[in-house]
């Protein structure tokens, strides 16, 4: 099986390296493990869904004006 570093996965998924590390720490990337102080992630691992909270902006309606 081939593995990638957190930096390589971050570039592949277009997210930050730190975000990949957090996903690994949370156990959300299947097959990822820490080798010494480096996260090693299977090449075919899938990007987990983003479960972070977002702010919902209220919808502005014409009758509100």
N, C-alpha and C. Protein backbone atom coordinates (compact mmCIF):
# COMPACT_ATOMS: atom_id res chain seq x y z
N UNK A 1 0.85 -1.18 0.00
CA UNK A 1 0.00 0.00 0.00
C UNK A 1 0.89 1.24 0.00
N UNK A 2 0.48 2.23 -0.76
CA UNK A 2 1.24 3.48 -0.84
C UNK A 2 0.67 4.50 0.13
N UNK A 3 1.55 5.32 0.68
CA UNK A 3 1.15 6.33 1.65
C UNK A 3 1.63 7.71 1.23
N UNK A 4 0.92 8.73 1.75
CA UNK A 4 1.28 10.12 1.50
C UNK A 4 1.44 10.82 2.84
N UNK A 5 2.17 11.93 2.83
CA UNK A 5 2.31 12.75 4.03
C UNK A 5 1.10 13.68 4.15
N UNK A 6 0.97 14.31 5.30
CA UNK A 6 -0.13 15.27 5.51
C UNK A 6 -0.01 16.42 4.52
N UNK A 7 1.20 16.83 4.22
CA UNK A 7 1.41 17.93 3.27
C UNK A 7 0.92 17.53 1.87
N UNK A 8 1.23 16.32 1.44
CA UNK A 8 0.81 15.86 0.12
C UNK A 8 -0.71 15.72 0.03
N UNK A 9 -1.31 15.21 1.10
CA UNK A 9 -2.76 15.06 1.12
C UNK A 9 -3.44 16.43 1.13
N UNK A 10 -2.87 17.37 1.86
CA UNK A 10 -3.42 18.73 1.90
C UNK A 10 -3.45 19.34 0.51
N UNK A 11 -2.39 19.16 -0.25
CA UNK A 11 -2.35 19.67 -1.62
C UNK A 11 -3.36 18.95 -2.51
N UNK A 12 -3.49 17.65 -2.32
CA UNK A 12 -4.42 16.85 -3.11
C UNK A 12 -5.87 17.25 -2.85
N UNK A 13 -6.21 17.50 -1.58
CA UNK A 13 -7.58 17.83 -1.19
C UNK A 13 -7.84 19.32 -1.15
N UNK A 14 -6.83 20.12 -1.39
CA UNK A 14 -6.95 21.58 -1.40
C UNK A 14 -7.41 22.14 -0.04
N UNK A 15 -6.80 21.63 1.02
CA UNK A 15 -7.02 22.13 2.37
C UNK A 15 -5.66 22.32 3.03
N UNK A 16 -5.62 22.90 4.22
CA UNK A 16 -4.34 23.15 4.88
C UNK A 16 -3.77 21.86 5.48
N UNK A 17 -2.45 21.86 5.64
CA UNK A 17 -1.78 20.72 6.25
C UNK A 17 -2.27 20.54 7.69
N UNK A 18 -2.47 21.65 8.39
CA UNK A 18 -2.95 21.59 9.77
C UNK A 18 -4.33 20.95 9.84
N UNK A 19 -5.21 21.25 8.88
CA UNK A 19 -6.55 20.64 8.85
C UNK A 19 -6.45 19.13 8.67
N UNK A 20 -5.53 18.69 7.81
CA UNK A 20 -5.32 17.25 7.61
C UNK A 20 -4.84 16.62 8.92
N UNK A 21 -3.93 17.28 9.62
CA UNK A 21 -3.44 16.76 10.90
C UNK A 21 -4.57 16.63 11.91
N UNK A 22 -5.43 17.61 11.95
CA UNK A 22 -6.57 17.58 12.88
C UNK A 22 -7.50 16.41 12.53
N UNK A 23 -7.78 16.23 11.25
CA UNK A 23 -8.63 15.11 10.82
C UNK A 23 -8.00 13.78 11.23
N UNK A 24 -6.69 13.68 11.13
CA UNK A 24 -5.99 12.46 11.55
C UNK A 24 -6.10 12.27 13.06
N UNK A 25 -5.87 13.33 13.82
CA UNK A 25 -5.96 13.26 15.28
C UNK A 25 -7.35 12.84 15.74
N UNK A 26 -8.38 13.28 15.01
CA UNK A 26 -9.76 12.94 15.35
C UNK A 26 -10.15 11.54 14.87
N UNK A 27 -9.25 10.88 14.14
CA UNK A 27 -9.54 9.54 13.64
C UNK A 27 -10.51 9.51 12.48
N UNK A 28 -10.60 10.61 11.75
CA UNK A 28 -11.58 10.72 10.67
C UNK A 28 -11.04 10.30 9.31
N UNK A 29 -9.73 10.03 9.22
CA UNK A 29 -9.16 9.52 7.97
C UNK A 29 -8.76 8.07 8.22
N UNK A 30 -9.49 7.18 7.58
CA UNK A 30 -9.30 5.76 7.81
C UNK A 30 -7.92 5.31 7.32
N UNK A 31 -7.21 4.58 8.17
CA UNK A 31 -5.91 4.03 7.82
C UNK A 31 -4.74 4.96 8.12
N UNK A 32 -5.01 6.17 8.57
CA UNK A 32 -3.94 7.11 8.89
C UNK A 32 -3.31 6.75 10.23
N UNK A 33 -2.00 6.89 10.31
CA UNK A 33 -1.31 6.64 11.57
C UNK A 33 -0.09 7.54 11.66
N UNK A 34 0.38 7.68 12.88
CA UNK A 34 1.52 8.56 13.13
C UNK A 34 2.79 7.71 13.20
N UNK A 35 3.76 8.06 12.38
CA UNK A 35 5.04 7.38 12.35
C UNK A 35 6.07 8.38 12.85
N UNK A 36 6.57 8.15 14.06
CA UNK A 36 7.42 9.12 14.74
C UNK A 36 6.59 10.38 14.98
N UNK A 37 6.86 11.48 14.31
CA UNK A 37 6.04 12.68 14.49
C UNK A 37 5.40 13.12 13.17
N UNK A 38 5.24 12.18 12.24
CA UNK A 38 4.68 12.48 10.92
C UNK A 38 3.44 11.62 10.69
N UNK A 39 2.36 12.28 10.23
CA UNK A 39 1.15 11.53 9.88
C UNK A 39 1.34 10.89 8.52
N UNK A 40 1.01 9.60 8.44
CA UNK A 40 1.10 8.82 7.20
C UNK A 40 -0.31 8.40 6.83
N UNK A 41 -0.71 8.73 5.59
CA UNK A 41 -2.10 8.55 5.16
C UNK A 41 -2.13 7.70 3.89
N UNK A 42 -3.00 6.68 3.85
CA UNK A 42 -3.08 5.88 2.63
C UNK A 42 -3.39 6.74 1.41
N UNK A 43 -2.75 6.42 0.29
CA UNK A 43 -2.90 7.20 -0.94
C UNK A 43 -4.34 7.25 -1.41
N UNK A 44 -5.09 6.17 -1.17
CA UNK A 44 -6.48 6.09 -1.66
C UNK A 44 -7.51 6.52 -0.61
N UNK A 45 -7.05 7.15 0.49
CA UNK A 45 -7.98 7.61 1.53
C UNK A 45 -8.91 8.67 0.98
N UNK A 46 -10.15 8.65 1.44
CA UNK A 46 -11.14 9.62 0.99
C UNK A 46 -11.21 10.79 1.96
N UNK A 47 -11.45 11.96 1.42
CA UNK A 47 -11.58 13.17 2.23
C UNK A 47 -12.89 13.09 3.02
N UNK A 48 -12.82 13.22 4.36
CA UNK A 48 -14.05 13.17 5.14
C UNK A 48 -14.88 14.44 4.97
N UNK A 49 -16.16 14.32 5.21
CA UNK A 49 -17.06 15.47 5.12
C UNK A 49 -16.68 16.50 6.17
N UNK A 50 -16.87 17.77 5.85
CA UNK A 50 -16.54 18.86 6.76
C UNK A 50 -17.69 19.03 7.75
N UNK A 51 -17.44 18.72 9.02
CA UNK A 51 -18.48 18.78 10.04
C UNK A 51 -18.35 20.02 10.92
N UNK A 52 -17.46 20.95 10.53
CA UNK A 52 -17.32 22.17 11.32
C UNK A 52 -18.58 23.01 11.22
N UNK A 53 -18.85 23.77 12.24
CA UNK A 53 -20.03 24.62 12.25
C UNK A 53 -19.82 25.80 11.32
N UNK A 54 -20.89 26.22 10.69
CA UNK A 54 -20.85 27.41 9.85
C UNK A 54 -21.91 28.37 10.33
N UNK A 55 -21.69 29.62 10.08
CA UNK A 55 -22.68 30.62 10.45
C UNK A 55 -23.69 30.74 9.32
N UNK A 56 -24.93 30.60 9.68
CA UNK A 56 -25.99 30.78 8.68
C UNK A 56 -26.39 32.24 8.68
N UNK A 57 -26.25 32.87 7.55
CA UNK A 57 -26.66 34.26 7.43
C UNK A 57 -28.17 34.30 7.21
N UNK A 58 -28.85 35.21 7.89
CA UNK A 58 -30.30 35.31 7.67
C UNK A 58 -30.59 35.76 6.23
N UNK A 59 -31.64 35.22 5.68
CA UNK A 59 -32.04 35.57 4.33
C UNK A 59 -32.76 36.91 4.37
N UNK A 60 -32.28 37.85 3.58
CA UNK A 60 -32.90 39.17 3.54
C UNK A 60 -34.01 39.16 2.48
N UNK A 61 -35.20 39.50 2.92
CA UNK A 61 -36.34 39.49 2.02
C UNK A 61 -36.74 40.91 1.69
N UNK A 62 -37.42 41.07 0.58
CA UNK A 62 -37.84 42.41 0.15
C UNK A 62 -38.81 43.04 1.15
N UNK A 63 -39.65 42.23 1.77
CA UNK A 63 -40.62 42.80 2.71
C UNK A 63 -39.95 43.28 4.00
N UNK A 64 -38.69 42.89 4.24
CA UNK A 64 -37.94 43.36 5.39
C UNK A 64 -37.44 44.78 5.22
N UNK A 65 -37.42 45.29 4.03
CA UNK A 65 -36.89 46.65 3.76
C UNK A 65 -37.79 47.72 4.24
